[in-house]
Amino acid sequence: MNLDLGLDGKVAVITGGGVGIGKETARKLALAGAKVVIAARTASKLEAAAEDLRQSTGGEIIAVPTDTTSKESVEALVAAAVERFGAVHILVNCAAAPGGLVRNAIEEADEDALMLDLNTKLFGYFRTAKACVPHMRKAGWGRIVNVGGLTARCTEALSGMRNTALVHFTKTLSDEVGKDGITVNIIHPGVTRTEHIEEWFAEMAAEEGTTFDAIVEREAAAPAALRRMLEVEEVADPIVFLCSKLGSGITGESIAVDGGLSRAVFL
């Protein structure tokens, strides 16, 4: 049975869309009929990703180099989307340093790195949402999905500050824009096989004199209920669901897509 996702002709903006979860989400949305704008800082890599997506999906995809720490850059991104496609219906916020820039103890933490982390992810997501919401209101329909992280639910790292704040931002925004036909949700991915994670695990294996597979088993598989590392499509699929008409009754929710990595219980 082929499900109609109601995404044909919708216009999606995806930050962090050149790699990993963002790129796979762009692919899935394009295959569902959406027109896609991917954004990231490095123009050459971003355009290469866009061309790969065009070839693999046959969809309408443009690349707009963007620095989400800049209000002007974000506004230029949304303006480019509207100029090319006439609207913005979907925003997927995925532009951030995976795992965060600050992983050490508070007394050793670099304040500048922490501020950059917050400016990129928390305030970057805020900027893109602020720029996109007026266009969604005009259309009378919108979807915003923020990609957070499991550190929102644990004390593992200072980077969790940005993800915890994003949960509050997501819920608050969902209350403000629900009457306009716009849903807002946040996804918390677990350890997912992205380019960044593969590079990071390979570095860990080299430093420890062990194998890549051993690091995957220790860091991703053994702690998870599914006993394996997630693939990017397993995170992208729930994002696309929330962007579709099938997710129209879900808003203000914080959803872990982690293979059972988190053991927390939420009532």
C-alpha atoms as a PDB file:
ATOM      1  CA  MET A   1       0.000   0.000   0.000  1.00  0.00           C
ATOM      2  CA  ASN A   2       1.346   3.420  -0.988  1.00  0.00           C
ATOM      3  CA  LEU A   3       0.593   6.068   1.608  1.00  0.00           C
ATOM      4  CA  ASP A   4      -0.084   9.626   0.471  1.00  0.00           C
ATOM      5  CA  LEU A   5       2.108  11.825   2.660  1.00  0.00           C
ATOM      6  CA  GLY A   6       0.582  15.018   1.322  1.00  0.00           C
ATOM      7  CA  LEU A   7       4.023  16.444   0.566  1.00  0.00           C
ATOM      8  CA  ASP A   8       3.787  16.833  -3.192  1.00  0.00           C
ATOM      9  CA  GLY A   9       4.647  20.439  -4.056  1.00  0.00           C
ATOM     10  CA  LYS A  10       5.452  21.443  -0.479  1.00  0.00           C
ATOM     11  CA  VAL A  11       8.608  23.534  -0.010  1.00  0.00           C
ATOM     12  CA  ALA A  12      11.074  22.346   2.628  1.00  0.00           C
ATOM     13  CA  VAL A  13      14.074  24.182   4.081  1.00  0.00           C
ATOM     14  CA  ILE A  14      16.635  21.937   5.744  1.00  0.00           C
ATOM     15  CA  THR A  15      19.580  23.384   7.656  1.00  0.00           C
ATOM     16  CA  GLY A  16      22.563  21.095   8.018  1.00  0.00           C
ATOM     17  CA  GLY A  17      21.239  19.514   4.840  1.00  0.00           C
ATOM     18  CA  GLY A  18      24.570  18.627   3.256  1.00  0.00           C
ATOM     19  CA  VAL A  19      25.429  15.587   5.372  1.00  0.00           C
ATOM     20  CA  GLY A  20      24.064  12.972   7.720  1.00  0.00           C
ATOM     21  CA  ILE A  21      20.500  13.141   9.013  1.00  0.00           C
ATOM     22  CA  GLY A  22      19.810  16.446   7.262  1.00  0.00           C
ATOM     23  CA  LYS A  23      20.845  15.153   3.847  1.00  0.00           C
ATOM     24  CA  GLU A  24      18.903  11.900   4.231  1.00  0.00           C
ATOM     25  CA  THR A  25      15.824  13.860   5.304  1.00  0.00           C
ATOM     26  CA  ALA A  26      16.218  16.019   2.197  1.00  0.00           C
ATOM     27  CA  ARG A  27      16.371  12.865   0.082  1.00  0.00           C
ATOM     28  CA  LYS A  28      13.233  11.394   1.634  1.00  0.00           C
ATOM     29  CA  LEU A  29      11.272  14.643   1.319  1.00  0.00           C
ATOM     30  CA  ALA A  30      12.304  15.028  -2.323  1.00  0.00           C
ATOM     31  CA  LEU A  31      11.220  11.459  -3.062  1.00  0.00           C
ATOM     32  CA  ALA A  32       7.854  12.315  -1.482  1.00  0.00           C
ATOM     33  CA  GLY A  33       7.424  15.183  -3.926  1.00  0.00           C
ATOM     34  CA  ALA A  34       8.646  18.152  -1.899  1.00  0.00           C
ATOM     35  CA  LYS A  35      10.782  20.930  -3.328  1.00  0.00           C
ATOM     36  CA  VAL A  36      13.859  21.122  -1.145  1.00  0.00           C
ATOM     37  CA  VAL A  37      16.288  23.841  -0.101  1.00  0.00           C
ATOM     38  CA  ILE A  38      19.379  22.564   1.715  1.00  0.00           C
ATOM     39  CA  ALA A  39      21.565  24.894   3.740  1.00  0.00           C
ATOM     40  CA  ALA A  40      25.012  24.637   5.329  1.00  0.00           C
ATOM     41  CA  ARG A  41      28.115  26.795   5.609  1.00  0.00           C
ATOM     42  CA  THR A  42      30.508  25.242   3.065  1.00  0.00           C
ATOM     43  CA  ALA A  43      29.307  26.105  -0.432  1.00  0.00           C
ATOM     44  CA  SER A  44      31.303  23.508  -2.389  1.00  0.00           C
ATOM     45  CA  LYS A  45      30.278  20.572  -0.203  1.00  0.00           C
ATOM     46  CA  LEU A  46      26.687  21.785  -0.105  1.00  0.00           C
ATOM     47  CA  GLU A  47      26.380  22.018  -3.884  1.00  0.00           C
ATOM     48  CA  ALA A  48      27.936  18.553  -4.250  1.00  0.00           C
ATOM     49  CA  ALA A  49      25.298  17.213  -1.846  1.00  0.00           C
ATOM     50  CA  ALA A  50      22.530  18.965  -3.797  1.00  0.00           C
ATOM     51  CA  GLU A  51      23.725  17.464  -7.067  1.00  0.00           C
ATOM     52  CA  ASP A  52      23.848  14.003  -5.498  1.00  0.00           C
ATOM     53  CA  LEU A  53      20.291  14.476  -4.242  1.00  0.00           C
ATOM     54  CA  ARG A  54      19.098  15.644  -7.657  1.00  0.00           C
ATOM     55  CA  GLN A  55      20.628  12.610  -9.307  1.00  0.00           C
ATOM     56  CA  SER A  56      19.224  10.137  -6.772  1.00  0.00           C
ATOM     57  CA  THR A  57      15.716  11.600  -6.489  1.00  0.00           C
ATOM     58  CA  GLY A  58      15.017  13.536  -9.671  1.00  0.00           C
ATOM     59  CA  GLY A  59      13.633  16.244  -7.419  1.00  0.00           C
ATOM     60  CA  GLU A  60      13.864  20.026  -7.377  1.00  0.00           C
ATOM     61  CA  ILE A  61      16.680  20.811  -4.960  1.00  0.00           C
ATOM     62  CA  ILE A  62      18.711  23.964  -4.477  1.00  0.00           C
ATOM     63  CA  ALA A  63      21.665  24.684  -2.221  1.00  0.00           C
ATOM     64  CA  VAL A  64      21.936  27.959  -0.316  1.00  0.00           C
ATOM     65  CA  PRO A  65      25.159  28.460   1.694  1.00  0.00           C
ATOM     66  CA  THR A  66      24.060  29.684   5.124  1.00  0.00           C
ATOM     67  CA  ASP A  67      25.555  30.495   8.504  1.00  0.00           C
ATOM     68  CA  THR A  68      22.772  30.102  11.053  1.00  0.00           C
ATOM     69  CA  THR A  69      24.686  32.187  13.599  1.00  0.00           C
ATOM     70  CA  SER A  70      23.885  35.181  11.365  1.00  0.00           C
ATOM     71  CA  LYS A  71      20.400  36.720  11.259  1.00  0.00           C
ATOM     72  CA  GLU A  72      21.142  38.206   7.831  1.00  0.00           C
ATOM     73  CA  SER A  73      22.327  34.864   6.446  1.00  0.00           C
ATOM     74  CA  VAL A  74      19.210  33.076   7.691  1.00  0.00           C
ATOM     75  CA  GLU A  75      16.921  35.744   6.251  1.00  0.00           C
ATOM     76  CA  ALA A  76      18.749  35.438   2.911  1.00  0.00           C
ATOM     77  CA  LEU A  77      18.208  31.651   3.004  1.00  0.00           C
ATOM     78  CA  VAL A  78      14.454  31.978   3.454  1.00  0.00           C
ATOM     79  CA  ALA A  79      14.266  34.747   0.853  1.00  0.00           C
ATOM     80  CA  ALA A  80      16.072  32.496  -1.637  1.00  0.00           C
ATOM     81  CA  ALA A  81      13.606  29.668  -0.953  1.00  0.00           C
ATOM     82  CA  VAL A  82      10.610  31.950  -1.498  1.00  0.00           C
ATOM     83  CA  GLU A  83      12.129  33.520  -4.606  1.00  0.00           C
ATOM     84  CA  ARG A  84      12.743  30.108  -6.188  1.00  0.00           C
ATOM     85  CA  PHE A  85       9.671  28.173  -5.050  1.00  0.00           C
ATOM     86  CA  GLY A  86       7.179  30.814  -3.913  1.00  0.00           C
ATOM     87  CA  ALA A  87       6.626  29.564  -0.360  1.00  0.00           C
ATOM     88  CA  VAL A  88       8.035  27.782   2.692  1.00  0.00           C
ATOM     89  CA  HIS A  89       5.934  25.018   4.262  1.00  0.00           C
ATOM     90  CA  ILE A  90       8.482  22.875   6.116  1.00  0.00           C
ATOM     91  CA  LEU A  91      11.539  23.624   8.226  1.00  0.00           C
ATOM     92  CA  VAL A  92      13.871  20.912   9.468  1.00  0.00           C
ATOM     93  CA  ASN A  93      16.541  22.329  11.775  1.00  0.00           C
ATOM     94  CA  CYS A  94      19.639  20.128  11.749  1.00  0.00           C
ATOM     95  CA  ALA A  95      22.587  22.552  11.632  1.00  0.00           C
ATOM     96  CA  ALA A  96      24.789  21.928  14.669  1.00  0.00           C
ATOM     97  CA  ALA A  97      28.033  20.321  15.770  1.00  0.00           C
ATOM     98  CA  PRO A  98      27.143  16.660  16.521  1.00  0.00           C
ATOM     99  CA  GLY A  99      27.776  15.952  20.185  1.00  0.00           C
ATOM    100  CA  GLY A 100      28.442  19.608  20.863  1.00  0.00           C
ATOM    101  CA  LEU A 101      31.634  21.609  21.187  1.00  0.00           C
ATOM    102  CA  VAL A 102      31.953  21.276  24.975  1.00  0.00           C
ATOM    103  CA  ARG A 103      32.316  17.767  26.388  1.00  0.00           C
ATOM    104  CA  ASN A 104      34.572  18.297  29.390  1.00  0.00           C
ATOM    105  CA  ALA A 105      33.809  19.218  32.999  1.00  0.00           C
ATOM    106  CA  ILE A 106      32.435  22.650  33.891  1.00  0.00           C
ATOM    107  CA  GLU A 107      35.682  23.864  35.443  1.00  0.00           C
ATOM    108  CA  GLU A 108      37.529  22.957  32.234  1.00  0.00           C
ATOM    109  CA  ALA A 109      34.871  24.159  29.798  1.00  0.00           C
ATOM    110  CA  ASP A 110      35.672  26.901  27.322  1.00  0.00           C
ATOM    111  CA  GLU A 111      33.063  29.637  27.561  1.00  0.00           C
ATOM    112  CA  ASP A 112      33.554  30.797  23.981  1.00  0.00           C
ATOM    113  CA  ALA A 113      32.988  27.257  22.687  1.00  0.00           C
ATOM    114  CA  LEU A 114      29.836  26.959  24.787  1.00  0.00           C
ATOM    115  CA  MET A 115      28.497  30.270  23.494  1.00  0.00           C
ATOM    116  CA  LEU A 116      29.203  29.200  19.901  1.00  0.00           C
ATOM    117  CA  ASP A 117      27.378  25.931  20.562  1.00  0.00           C
ATOM    118  CA  LEU A 118      24.323  27.798  21.837  1.00  0.00           C
ATOM    119  CA  ASN A 119      24.476  30.399  19.077  1.00  0.00           C
ATOM    120  CA  THR A 120      24.678  27.752  16.356  1.00  0.00           C
ATOM    121  CA  LYS A 121      22.044  25.323  17.563  1.00  0.00           C
ATOM    122  CA  LEU A 122      19.636  26.980  19.988  1.00  0.00           C
ATOM    123  CA  PHE A 123      19.658  30.490  18.543  1.00  0.00           C
ATOM    124  CA  GLY A 124      20.255  29.210  15.013  1.00  0.00           C
ATOM    125  CA  TYR A 125      17.066  27.146  15.227  1.00  0.00           C
ATOM    126  CA  PHE A 126      15.272  30.165  16.684  1.00  0.00           C
ATOM    127  CA  ARG A 127      16.417  32.371  13.787  1.00  0.00           C
ATOM    128  CA  THR A 128      15.307  29.965  11.084  1.00  0.00           C
ATOM    129  CA  ALA A 129      11.936  29.349  12.735  1.00  0.00           C
ATOM    130  CA  LYS A 130      11.344  33.079  13.147  1.00  0.00           C
ATOM    131  CA  ALA A 131      12.116  33.642   9.466  1.00  0.00           C
ATOM    132  CA  CYS A 132       9.966  30.741   8.209  1.00  0.00           C
ATOM    133  CA  VAL A 133       6.842  31.045  10.376  1.00  0.00           C
ATOM    134  CA  PRO A 134       5.374  34.097   8.554  1.00  0.00           C
ATOM    135  CA  HIS A 135       5.437  32.162   5.274  1.00  0.00           C
ATOM    136  CA  MET A 136       3.816  29.135   6.920  1.00  0.00           C
ATOM    137  CA  ARG A 137       1.106  31.370   8.371  1.00  0.00           C
ATOM    138  CA  LYS A 138       0.490  32.820   4.922  1.00  0.00           C
ATOM    139  CA  ALA A 139       0.081  29.279   3.544  1.00  0.00           C
ATOM    140  CA  GLY A 140      -2.117  28.235   6.489  1.00  0.00           C
ATOM    141  CA  TRP A 141      -0.008  25.097   6.884  1.00  0.00           C
ATOM    142  CA  GLY A 142       3.434  24.361   8.276  1.00  0.00           C
ATOM    143  CA  ARG A 143       5.747  21.833   9.839  1.00  0.00           C
ATOM    144  CA  ILE A 144       8.827  22.493  11.966  1.00  0.00           C
ATOM    145  CA  VAL A 145      11.001  19.628  13.178  1.00  0.00           C
ATOM    146  CA  ASN A 146      13.988  20.416  15.380  1.00  0.00           C
ATOM    147  CA  VAL A 147      16.738  17.802  15.608  1.00  0.00           C
ATOM    148  CA  GLY A 148      17.897  17.842  19.219  1.00  0.00           C
ATOM    149  CA  GLY A 149      19.835  15.145  21.070  1.00  0.00           C
ATOM    150  CA  LEU A 150      19.612  12.708  23.958  1.00  0.00           C
ATOM    151  CA  THR A 151      21.738  14.987  26.147  1.00  0.00           C
ATOM    152  CA  ALA A 152      18.478  16.885  26.703  1.00  0.00           C
ATOM    153  CA  ARG A 153      17.553  14.009  29.011  1.00  0.00           C
ATOM    154  CA  CYS A 154      20.805  13.323  30.850  1.00  0.00           C
ATOM    155  CA  THR A 155      23.788  15.014  32.500  1.00  0.00           C
ATOM    156  CA  GLU A 156      26.340  13.616  30.088  1.00  0.00           C
ATOM    157  CA  ALA A 157      27.718  16.880  28.715  1.00  0.00           C
ATOM    158  CA  LEU A 158      27.366  20.656  28.857  1.00  0.00           C
ATOM    159  CA  SER A 159      26.160  20.447  25.268  1.00  0.00           C
ATOM    160  CA  GLY A 160      22.911  19.201  26.779  1.00  0.00           C
ATOM    161  CA  MET A 161      22.121  22.813  27.689  1.00  0.00           C
ATOM    162  CA  ARG A 162      21.326  23.572  24.055  1.00  0.00           C
ATOM    163  CA  ASN A 163      19.129  20.489  23.625  1.00  0.00           C
ATOM    164  CA  THR A 164      17.229  21.035  26.884  1.00  0.00           C
ATOM    165  CA  ALA A 165      16.533  24.638  25.905  1.00  0.00           C
ATOM    166  CA  LEU A 166      15.383  23.457  22.470  1.00  0.00           C
ATOM    167  CA  VAL A 167      12.723  21.270  24.088  1.00  0.00           C
ATOM    168  CA  HIS A 168      11.285  24.326  25.827  1.00  0.00           C
ATOM    169  CA  PHE A 169      11.528  26.408  22.651  1.00  0.00           C
ATOM    170  CA  THR A 170       9.776  23.674  20.656  1.00  0.00           C
ATOM    171  CA  LYS A 171       6.883  23.420  23.101  1.00  0.00           C
ATOM    172  CA  THR A 172       6.489  27.179  23.438  1.00  0.00           C
ATOM    173  CA  LEU A 173       6.510  27.722  19.682  1.00  0.00           C
ATOM    174  CA  SER A 174       4.007  24.913  19.147  1.00  0.00           C
ATOM    175  CA  ASP A 175       1.568  26.722  21.456  1.00  0.00           C
ATOM    176  CA  GLU A 176       2.012  29.989  19.578  1.00  0.00           C
ATOM    177  CA  VAL A 177       1.534  28.701  16.037  1.00  0.00           C
ATOM    178  CA  GLY A 178      -0.858  25.773  16.418  1.00  0.00           C
ATOM    179  CA  LYS A 179      -3.859  27.943  15.586  1.00  0.00           C
ATOM    180  CA  ASP A 180      -2.205  28.718  12.244  1.00  0.00           C
ATOM    181  CA  GLY A 181      -2.062  25.087  11.156  1.00  0.00           C
ATOM    182  CA  ILE A 182       1.619  24.730  12.045  1.00  0.00           C
ATOM    183  CA  THR A 183       3.031  21.828  14.067  1.00  0.00           C
ATOM    184  CA  VAL A 184       6.367  21.947  15.900  1.00  0.00           C
ATOM    185  CA  ASN A 185       8.187  18.904  17.285  1.00  0.00           C
ATOM    186  CA  ILE A 186      11.669  17.859  18.341  1.00  0.00           C
ATOM    187  CA  ILE A 187      13.449  14.594  17.542  1.00  0.00           C
ATOM    188  CA  HIS A 188      16.286  13.292  19.733  1.00  0.00           C
ATOM    189  CA  PRO A 189      18.468  10.926  17.682  1.00  0.00           C
ATOM    190  CA  GLY A 190      20.582   8.258  19.310  1.00  0.00           C
ATOM    191  CA  VAL A 191      24.011   7.228  18.011  1.00  0.00           C
ATOM    192  CA  THR A 192      23.480   7.246  14.242  1.00  0.00           C
ATOM    193  CA  ARG A 193      25.800   6.168  11.436  1.00  0.00           C
ATOM    194  CA  THR A 194      26.649   9.550   9.953  1.00  0.00           C
ATOM    195  CA  GLU A 195      29.876  10.768   8.373  1.00  0.00           C
ATOM    196  CA  HIS A 196      30.785  12.532  11.617  1.00  0.00           C
ATOM    197  CA  ILE A 197      30.186   9.493  13.817  1.00  0.00           C
ATOM    198  CA  GLU A 198      32.162   7.214  11.515  1.00  0.00           C
ATOM    199  CA  GLU A 199      35.121   9.625  11.573  1.00  0.00           C
ATOM    200  CA  TRP A 200      34.876  10.038  15.348  1.00  0.00           C
ATOM    201  CA  PHE A 201      34.699   6.281  16.021  1.00  0.00           C
ATOM    202  CA  ALA A 202      37.593   5.636  13.628  1.00  0.00           C
ATOM    203  CA  GLU A 203      39.696   8.190  15.549  1.00  0.00           C
ATOM    204  CA  MET A 204      38.753   6.560  18.858  1.00  0.00           C
ATOM    205  CA  ALA A 205      39.705   3.132  17.516  1.00  0.00           C
ATOM    206  CA  ALA A 206      43.096   4.399  16.336  1.00  0.00           C
ATOM    207  CA  GLU A 207      43.815   6.117  19.655  1.00  0.00           C
ATOM    208  CA  GLU A 208      42.848   3.031  21.668  1.00  0.00           C
ATOM    209  CA  GLY A 209      44.509   0.506  19.374  1.00  0.00           C
ATOM    210  CA  THR A 210      41.267  -1.341  18.744  1.00  0.00           C
ATOM    211  CA  THR A 211      38.841  -1.800  15.842  1.00  0.00           C
ATOM    212  CA  PHE A 212      36.070   0.394  14.508  1.00  0.00           C
ATOM    213  CA  ASP A 213      33.574  -2.415  15.104  1.00  0.00           C
ATOM    214  CA  ALA A 214      34.665  -2.686  18.737  1.00  0.00           C
ATOM    215  CA  ILE A 215      33.977   1.015  19.259  1.00  0.00           C
ATOM    216  CA  VAL A 216      30.560   0.686  17.600  1.00  0.00           C
ATOM    217  CA  GLU A 217      29.724  -2.232  19.883  1.00  0.00           C
ATOM    218  CA  ARG A 218      30.777  -0.380  23.031  1.00  0.00           C
ATOM    219  CA  GLU A 219      29.408   3.083  22.254  1.00  0.00           C
ATOM    220  CA  ALA A 220      26.294   2.331  20.199  1.00  0.00           C
ATOM    221  CA  ALA A 221      25.211  -1.298  20.112  1.00  0.00           C
ATOM    222  CA  ALA A 222      25.686  -2.683  23.623  1.00  0.00           C
ATOM    223  CA  PRO A 223      23.907   0.196  25.440  1.00  0.00           C
ATOM    224  CA  ALA A 224      20.870   0.166  23.107  1.00  0.00           C
ATOM    225  CA  ALA A 225      17.803  -2.046  23.339  1.00  0.00           C
ATOM    226  CA  LEU A 226      18.124  -2.890  19.635  1.00  0.00           C
ATOM    227  CA  ARG A 227      21.808  -3.779  20.154  1.00  0.00           C
ATOM    228  CA  ARG A 228      22.954  -1.913  17.055  1.00  0.00           C
ATOM    229  CA  MET A 229      23.759   1.550  15.748  1.00  0.00           C
ATOM    230  CA  LEU A 230      20.963   3.353  13.921  1.00  0.00           C
ATOM    231  CA  GLU A 231      21.184   4.193  10.227  1.00  0.00           C
ATOM    232  CA  VAL A 232      20.381   7.728   9.020  1.00  0.00           C
ATOM    233  CA  GLU A 233      17.180   6.662   7.268  1.00  0.00           C
ATOM    234  CA  GLU A 234      15.825   5.383  10.590  1.00  0.00           C
ATOM    235  CA  VAL A 235      15.959   8.930  11.934  1.00  0.00           C
ATOM    236  CA  ALA A 236      14.958  10.635   8.689  1.00  0.00           C
ATOM    237  CA  ASP A 237      11.787   8.540   8.312  1.00  0.00           C
ATOM    238  CA  PRO A 238      10.169   9.760  11.572  1.00  0.00           C
ATOM    239  CA  ILE A 239      11.107  13.330  10.644  1.00  0.00           C
ATOM    240  CA  VAL A 240       9.368  12.949   7.275  1.00  0.00           C
ATOM    241  CA  PHE A 241       6.348  11.428   9.036  1.00  0.00           C
ATOM    242  CA  LEU A 242       6.079  14.494  11.291  1.00  0.00           C
ATOM    243  CA  CYS A 243       6.385  16.727   8.216  1.00  0.00           C
ATOM    244  CA  SER A 244       3.597  14.871   6.416  1.00  0.00           C
ATOM    245  CA  LYS A 245      -0.170  15.031   6.744  1.00  0.00           C
ATOM    246  CA  LEU A 246       0.032  11.737   8.665  1.00  0.00           C
ATOM    247  CA  GLY A 247       1.613  13.599  11.592  1.00  0.00           C
ATOM    248  CA  SER A 248      -0.944  16.397  11.638  1.00  0.00           C
ATOM    249  CA  GLY A 249      -2.155  15.592  15.165  1.00  0.00           C
ATOM    250  CA  ILE A 250       1.297  15.639  16.774  1.00  0.00           C
ATOM    251  CA  THR A 251       2.736  18.912  18.036  1.00  0.00           C
ATOM    252  CA  GLY A 252       4.862  20.133  20.923  1.00  0.00           C
ATOM    253  CA  GLU A 253       6.313  16.656  21.399  1.00  0.00           C
ATOM    254  CA  SER A 254       9.844  15.576  22.289  1.00  0.00           C
ATOM    255  CA  ILE A 255      10.498  12.196  20.653  1.00  0.00           C
ATOM    256  CA  ALA A 256      13.566   9.980  21.031  1.00  0.00           C
ATOM    257  CA  VAL A 257      14.606   8.007  17.945  1.00  0.00           C
ATOM    258  CA  ASP A 258      17.472   6.160  19.553  1.00  0.00           C
ATOM    259  CA  GLY A 259      17.029   2.405  19.213  1.00  0.00           C
ATOM    260  CA  GLY A 260      16.283   2.216  22.922  1.00  0.00           C
ATOM    261  CA  LEU A 261      19.553   3.847  23.972  1.00  0.00           C
ATOM    262  CA  SER A 262      17.863   6.013  26.582  1.00  0.00           C
ATOM    263  CA  ARG A 263      16.575   4.211  29.665  1.00  0.00           C
ATOM    264  CA  ALA A 264      14.599   7.184  30.953  1.00  0.00           C
ATOM    265  CA  VAL A 265      10.868   6.786  31.664  1.00  0.00           C
ATOM    266  CA  PHE A 266       8.522   9.672  30.820  1.00  0.00           C
ATOM    267  CA  LEU A 267       4.890   9.678  31.935  1.00  0.00           C
END
